[in-house]
C-alpha atoms as a PDB file:
ATOM      1  CA  MET A   1     -22.004 -60.538 145.310  1.00  0.00           C
ATOM      2  CA  THR A   2     -23.272 -58.356 142.479  1.00  0.00           C
ATOM      3  CA  LEU A   3     -21.570 -55.009 142.199  1.00  0.00           C
ATOM      4  CA  ASP A   4     -23.598 -52.040 141.029  1.00  0.00           C
ATOM      5  CA  LYS A   5     -21.615 -50.288 138.288  1.00  0.00           C
ATOM      6  CA  GLN A   6     -23.062 -46.836 139.033  1.00  0.00           C
ATOM      7  CA  ALA A   7     -22.254 -47.089 142.746  1.00  0.00           C
ATOM      8  CA  LEU A   8     -18.768 -48.374 141.936  1.00  0.00           C
ATOM      9  CA  ARG A   9     -18.226 -45.467 139.519  1.00  0.00           C
ATOM     10  CA  ALA A  10     -19.280 -42.940 142.152  1.00  0.00           C
ATOM     11  CA  ALA A  11     -17.083 -44.436 144.878  1.00  0.00           C
ATOM     12  CA  THR A  12     -14.043 -44.813 142.619  1.00  0.00           C
ATOM     13  CA  ARG A  13     -14.358 -41.295 141.193  1.00  0.00           C
ATOM     14  CA  ALA A  14     -14.520 -39.871 144.719  1.00  0.00           C
ATOM     15  CA  ALA A  15     -11.431 -41.863 145.762  1.00  0.00           C
ATOM     16  CA  ARG A  16      -9.636 -40.765 142.576  1.00  0.00           C
ATOM     17  CA  ASP A  17     -10.504 -37.104 143.201  1.00  0.00           C
ATOM     18  CA  ARG A  18      -9.126 -37.294 146.775  1.00  0.00           C
ATOM     19  CA  PHE A  19      -6.012 -39.171 145.642  1.00  0.00           C
ATOM     20  CA  VAL A  20      -5.161 -36.622 142.952  1.00  0.00           C
ATOM     21  CA  ALA A  21      -5.846 -33.654 145.265  1.00  0.00           C
ATOM     22  CA  ASP A  22      -3.703 -35.158 148.046  1.00  0.00           C
ATOM     23  CA  THR A  23      -0.771 -36.624 146.087  1.00  0.00           C
ATOM     24  CA  ARG A  24      -0.582 -34.935 142.657  1.00  0.00           C
ATOM     25  CA  PRO A  25       0.654 -38.157 141.004  1.00  0.00           C
ATOM     26  CA  VAL A  26       2.718 -38.167 137.812  1.00  0.00           C
ATOM     27  CA  MET A  27       2.554 -40.765 135.033  1.00  0.00           C
ATOM     28  CA  THR A  28       5.863 -42.036 133.642  1.00  0.00           C
ATOM     29  CA  PRO A  29       5.983 -44.131 130.450  1.00  0.00           C
ATOM     30  CA  PRO A  30       7.136 -47.640 131.406  1.00  0.00           C
ATOM     31  CA  PRO A  31      10.023 -49.195 129.431  1.00  0.00           C
ATOM     32  CA  ALA A  32       7.741 -51.965 128.081  1.00  0.00           C
ATOM     33  CA  TYR A  33       5.454 -49.302 126.565  1.00  0.00           C
ATOM     34  CA  LEU A  34       8.387 -47.389 125.105  1.00  0.00           C
ATOM     35  CA  ALA A  35       9.710 -50.618 123.543  1.00  0.00           C
ATOM     36  CA  ARG A  36       6.447 -50.996 121.576  1.00  0.00           C
ATOM     37  CA  LEU A  37       6.707 -47.576 119.949  1.00  0.00           C
ATOM     38  CA  SER A  38       8.073 -47.245 116.443  1.00  0.00           C
ATOM     39  CA  HIS A  39       8.058 -44.613 113.734  1.00  0.00           C
ATOM     40  CA  GLY A  40       4.716 -44.350 111.937  1.00  0.00           C
ATOM     41  CA  LEU A  41       2.499 -46.089 114.496  1.00  0.00           C
ATOM     42  CA  THR A  42      -0.766 -44.357 115.330  1.00  0.00           C
ATOM     43  CA  ILE A  43      -1.347 -43.853 119.037  1.00  0.00           C
ATOM     44  CA  ALA A  44      -4.845 -42.874 120.161  1.00  0.00           C
ATOM     45  CA  SER A  45      -4.592 -40.771 123.287  1.00  0.00           C
ATOM     46  CA  TYR A  46      -7.130 -38.531 125.050  1.00  0.00           C
ATOM     47  CA  VAL A  47      -7.369 -35.253 126.943  1.00  0.00           C
ATOM     48  CA  PRO A  48      -8.094 -36.050 130.608  1.00  0.00           C
ATOM     49  CA  MET A  49     -11.176 -34.699 132.324  1.00  0.00           C
ATOM     50  CA  GLY A  50     -11.126 -33.818 136.007  1.00  0.00           C
ATOM     51  CA  SER A  51      -8.970 -36.230 137.987  1.00  0.00           C
ATOM     52  CA  GLU A  52      -8.509 -38.768 135.166  1.00  0.00           C
ATOM     53  CA  ALA A  53      -4.951 -39.993 134.755  1.00  0.00           C
ATOM     54  CA  ASP A  54      -3.116 -37.818 132.246  1.00  0.00           C
ATOM     55  CA  PRO A  55      -1.693 -39.815 129.313  1.00  0.00           C
ATOM     56  CA  SER A  56       0.332 -36.883 127.937  1.00  0.00           C
ATOM     57  CA  PRO A  57       3.736 -38.299 129.066  1.00  0.00           C
ATOM     58  CA  LEU A  58       2.946 -41.458 127.067  1.00  0.00           C
ATOM     59  CA  ALA A  59       1.720 -39.453 124.069  1.00  0.00           C
ATOM     60  CA  ARG A  60       4.807 -37.224 124.233  1.00  0.00           C
ATOM     61  CA  ALA A  61       7.044 -40.317 124.233  1.00  0.00           C
ATOM     62  CA  ALA A  62       5.134 -41.591 121.197  1.00  0.00           C
ATOM     63  CA  VAL A  63       5.681 -38.320 119.321  1.00  0.00           C
ATOM     64  CA  GLU A  64       9.401 -38.461 120.170  1.00  0.00           C
ATOM     65  CA  ALA A  65       9.466 -41.999 118.692  1.00  0.00           C
ATOM     66  CA  GLY A  66       7.930 -40.725 115.443  1.00  0.00           C
ATOM     67  CA  CYS A  67       4.385 -41.913 116.102  1.00  0.00           C
ATOM     68  CA  ILE A  68       1.218 -40.169 114.949  1.00  0.00           C
ATOM     69  CA  ILE A  69      -1.259 -39.025 117.589  1.00  0.00           C
ATOM     70  CA  ALA A  70      -5.016 -39.349 117.250  1.00  0.00           C
ATOM     71  CA  LEU A  71      -7.663 -38.231 119.720  1.00  0.00           C
ATOM     72  CA  PRO A  72     -11.243 -39.397 120.196  1.00  0.00           C
ATOM     73  CA  HIS A  73     -13.959 -37.456 118.417  1.00  0.00           C
ATOM     74  CA  ILE A  74     -17.581 -37.825 119.484  1.00  0.00           C
ATOM     75  CA  VAL A  75     -20.608 -36.284 117.818  1.00  0.00           C
ATOM     76  CA  ASP A  76     -23.432 -37.736 119.932  1.00  0.00           C
ATOM     77  CA  ARG A  77     -24.543 -40.956 121.662  1.00  0.00           C
ATOM     78  CA  THR A  78     -25.868 -42.513 118.444  1.00  0.00           C
ATOM     79  CA  LYS A  79     -22.633 -42.274 116.450  1.00  0.00           C
ATOM     80  CA  PRO A  80     -19.450 -44.248 117.117  1.00  0.00           C
ATOM     81  CA  MET A  81     -16.363 -42.588 118.496  1.00  0.00           C
ATOM     82  CA  ARG A  82     -13.763 -41.956 115.815  1.00  0.00           C
ATOM     83  CA  PHE A  83     -10.038 -41.352 116.253  1.00  0.00           C
ATOM     84  CA  LEU A  84      -8.961 -38.212 114.404  1.00  0.00           C
ATOM     85  CA  ALA A  85      -5.411 -37.096 113.655  1.00  0.00           C
ATOM     86  CA  TRP A  86      -4.097 -34.406 115.962  1.00  0.00           C
ATOM     87  CA  ASP A  87      -1.034 -32.251 115.545  1.00  0.00           C
ATOM     88  CA  THR A  88       0.054 -31.524 119.104  1.00  0.00           C
ATOM     89  CA  GLU A  89       0.160 -27.805 118.283  1.00  0.00           C
ATOM     90  CA  ALA A  90      -3.375 -27.703 116.844  1.00  0.00           C
ATOM     91  CA  ALA A  91      -6.210 -26.199 118.842  1.00  0.00           C
ATOM     92  CA  LEU A  92      -8.899 -28.541 120.087  1.00  0.00           C
ATOM     93  CA  ILE A  93     -12.621 -27.856 119.921  1.00  0.00           C
ATOM     94  CA  ALA A  94     -15.277 -28.429 122.550  1.00  0.00           C
ATOM     95  CA  GLY A  95     -17.184 -31.662 122.140  1.00  0.00           C
ATOM     96  CA  PRO A  96     -20.083 -33.299 123.939  1.00  0.00           C
ATOM     97  CA  PHE A  97     -19.728 -34.376 127.576  1.00  0.00           C
ATOM     98  CA  GLY A  98     -17.029 -31.715 128.170  1.00  0.00           C
ATOM     99  CA  LEU A  99     -14.534 -33.363 125.791  1.00  0.00           C
ATOM    100  CA  HIS A 100     -11.737 -31.530 124.006  1.00  0.00           C
ATOM    101  CA  GLN A 101     -11.287 -33.040 120.544  1.00  0.00           C
ATOM    102  CA  PRO A 102      -9.860 -32.380 117.069  1.00  0.00           C
ATOM    103  CA  ALA A 103     -11.986 -30.564 114.523  1.00  0.00           C
ATOM    104  CA  GLU A 104     -14.274 -32.812 112.497  1.00  0.00           C
ATOM    105  CA  GLU A 105     -12.242 -32.158 109.317  1.00  0.00           C
ATOM    106  CA  ALA A 106      -9.176 -33.948 110.721  1.00  0.00           C
ATOM    107  CA  ALA A 107      -8.276 -37.260 109.102  1.00  0.00           C
ATOM    108  CA  GLU A 108      -9.766 -40.392 110.643  1.00  0.00           C
ATOM    109  CA  LEU A 109      -7.078 -42.912 111.620  1.00  0.00           C
ATOM    110  CA  SER A 110      -6.927 -46.565 112.679  1.00  0.00           C
ATOM    111  CA  PRO A 111      -4.972 -46.719 115.933  1.00  0.00           C
ATOM    112  CA  ASP A 112      -2.239 -49.261 116.604  1.00  0.00           C
ATOM    113  CA  ILE A 113      -2.333 -48.488 120.338  1.00  0.00           C
ATOM    114  CA  ILE A 114      -5.330 -47.067 122.191  1.00  0.00           C
ATOM    115  CA  LEU A 115      -4.538 -45.247 125.440  1.00  0.00           C
ATOM    116  CA  THR A 116      -7.791 -45.576 127.327  1.00  0.00           C
ATOM    117  CA  PRO A 117      -9.230 -43.612 130.237  1.00  0.00           C
ATOM    118  CA  LEU A 118     -11.166 -45.555 132.842  1.00  0.00           C
ATOM    119  CA  VAL A 119     -12.959 -45.235 136.146  1.00  0.00           C
ATOM    120  CA  ALA A 120     -11.839 -48.560 137.673  1.00  0.00           C
ATOM    121  CA  PHE A 121      -9.887 -51.703 136.756  1.00  0.00           C
ATOM    122  CA  ASP A 122      -9.202 -55.102 138.279  1.00  0.00           C
ATOM    123  CA  HIS A 123      -6.309 -57.599 138.304  1.00  0.00           C
ATOM    124  CA  SER A 124      -7.785 -59.351 135.223  1.00  0.00           C
ATOM    125  CA  LEU A 125      -7.433 -56.050 133.278  1.00  0.00           C
ATOM    126  CA  ASN A 126     -11.165 -55.516 133.009  1.00  0.00           C
ATOM    127  CA  ARG A 127     -12.086 -51.833 132.916  1.00  0.00           C
ATOM    128  CA  LEU A 128     -15.062 -49.849 134.053  1.00  0.00           C
ATOM    129  CA  GLY A 129     -15.546 -46.795 131.896  1.00  0.00           C
ATOM    130  CA  GLN A 130     -17.954 -43.883 132.027  1.00  0.00           C
ATOM    131  CA  GLY A 131     -20.853 -46.104 130.966  1.00  0.00           C
ATOM    132  CA  ALA A 132     -21.624 -44.968 127.428  1.00  0.00           C
ATOM    133  CA  GLY A 133     -19.725 -47.853 125.761  1.00  0.00           C
ATOM    134  CA  TYR A 134     -17.719 -45.721 123.323  1.00  0.00           C
ATOM    135  CA  TYR A 135     -14.402 -47.433 124.037  1.00  0.00           C
ATOM    136  CA  ASP A 136     -15.849 -50.966 124.050  1.00  0.00           C
ATOM    137  CA  ARG A 137     -17.351 -50.316 120.609  1.00  0.00           C
ATOM    138  CA  ALA A 138     -14.042 -48.815 119.411  1.00  0.00           C
ATOM    139  CA  PHE A 139     -12.183 -51.904 120.682  1.00  0.00           C
ATOM    140  CA  LEU A 140     -14.495 -54.099 118.599  1.00  0.00           C
ATOM    141  CA  ARG A 141     -14.021 -51.836 115.583  1.00  0.00           C
ATOM    142  CA  PHE A 142     -10.205 -52.001 115.936  1.00  0.00           C
ATOM    143  CA  PRO A 143      -9.586 -55.523 117.266  1.00  0.00           C
ATOM    144  CA  GLU A 144      -5.881 -55.480 116.353  1.00  0.00           C
ATOM    145  CA  SER A 145      -5.204 -52.364 118.429  1.00  0.00           C
ATOM    146  CA  TRP A 146      -3.258 -52.817 121.643  1.00  0.00           C
ATOM    147  CA  ARG A 147      -5.562 -51.580 124.446  1.00  0.00           C
ATOM    148  CA  VAL A 148      -3.775 -49.801 127.303  1.00  0.00           C
ATOM    149  CA  GLY A 149      -5.700 -48.477 130.292  1.00  0.00           C
ATOM    150  CA  ILE A 150      -4.349 -45.324 131.896  1.00  0.00           C
ATOM    151  CA  ALA A 151      -5.248 -44.966 135.579  1.00  0.00           C
ATOM    152  CA  TRP A 152      -4.076 -44.065 139.044  1.00  0.00           C
ATOM    153  CA  SER A 153      -3.311 -46.986 141.361  1.00  0.00           C
ATOM    154  CA  ILE A 154      -6.217 -45.977 143.636  1.00  0.00           C
ATOM    155  CA  GLN A 155      -8.601 -47.007 140.834  1.00  0.00           C
ATOM    156  CA  GLN A 156      -7.789 -50.713 141.145  1.00  0.00           C
ATOM    157  CA  VAL A 157     -10.551 -52.804 142.707  1.00  0.00           C
ATOM    158  CA  ASP A 158     -10.670 -56.495 143.626  1.00  0.00           C
ATOM    159  CA  SER A 159     -13.078 -57.396 140.839  1.00  0.00           C
ATOM    160  CA  LEU A 160     -15.448 -55.753 138.398  1.00  0.00           C
ATOM    161  CA  PRO A 161     -18.827 -56.859 137.126  1.00  0.00           C
ATOM    162  CA  VAL A 162     -18.249 -57.866 133.504  1.00  0.00           C
ATOM    163  CA  ASP A 163     -20.985 -57.793 130.895  1.00  0.00           C
ATOM    164  CA  PRO A 164     -20.784 -59.651 127.557  1.00  0.00           C
ATOM    165  CA  TRP A 165     -19.989 -56.429 125.677  1.00  0.00           C
ATOM    166  CA  ASP A 166     -17.100 -55.413 127.971  1.00  0.00           C
ATOM    167  CA  VAL A 167     -13.720 -55.776 126.253  1.00  0.00           C
ATOM    168  CA  PRO A 168     -10.697 -56.322 128.540  1.00  0.00           C
ATOM    169  CA  LEU A 169      -7.457 -54.404 128.193  1.00  0.00           C
ATOM    170  CA  HIS A 170      -4.061 -55.738 127.161  1.00  0.00           C
ATOM    171  CA  ALA A 171      -2.193 -53.603 129.712  1.00  0.00           C
ATOM    172  CA  ILE A 172      -2.637 -51.024 132.460  1.00  0.00           C
ATOM    173  CA  VAL A 173      -0.285 -48.169 133.316  1.00  0.00           C
ATOM    174  CA  THR A 174      -0.480 -46.443 136.686  1.00  0.00           C
ATOM    175  CA  GLU A 175       1.907 -44.062 138.426  1.00  0.00           C
ATOM    176  CA  ILE A 176       3.528 -47.065 140.155  1.00  0.00           C
ATOM    177  CA  GLU A 177       2.965 -50.117 137.980  1.00  0.00           C
ATOM    178  CA  TRP A 178       2.760 -51.677 134.534  1.00  0.00           C
ATOM    179  CA  ALA A 179       0.495 -54.704 134.247  1.00  0.00           C
ATOM    180  CA  VAL A 180       0.239 -56.783 131.068  1.00  0.00           C
ATOM    181  CA  LYS A 181      -2.149 -59.601 130.236  1.00  0.00           C
ATOM    182  CA  GLU A 182      -0.152 -62.736 129.506  1.00  0.00           C
END
């Protein structure tokens, strides 16, 4: 059976919206994630939009471990997403697609760990994103980065349609589980 990505996005977003409204879930950094953190690592996080899972507890743990935080910066659909340094006290600016991002003058960094938003994921750690391909292109640009999907458990599906350009994750964190690709 072929799954339509747009229909799957719509259904999963609706389920995610209901789940967050009904349960108000909280993300807790798993011990295996905390064990990977060390002083000086660069952790790419993001500012959640709508009912996306909030990675701030994981980013806060990274700061406490002496890590540097970077956030995605997007100019438009034709340019790649960059990860720019962000001091957690610094104001963010409005970006395209409703994003909140560091100012363009911030230093560009190469992330060691990329905390990744997603719309859906499966047991093989494939992810379905928003559809613009920014994260898949970033994963190819930073192949050594450890790719961690941040999601609510309701976003897990049995299987996802996978295209040749889709890059799987190394791990997924939800409010109830930590899954790692062996």
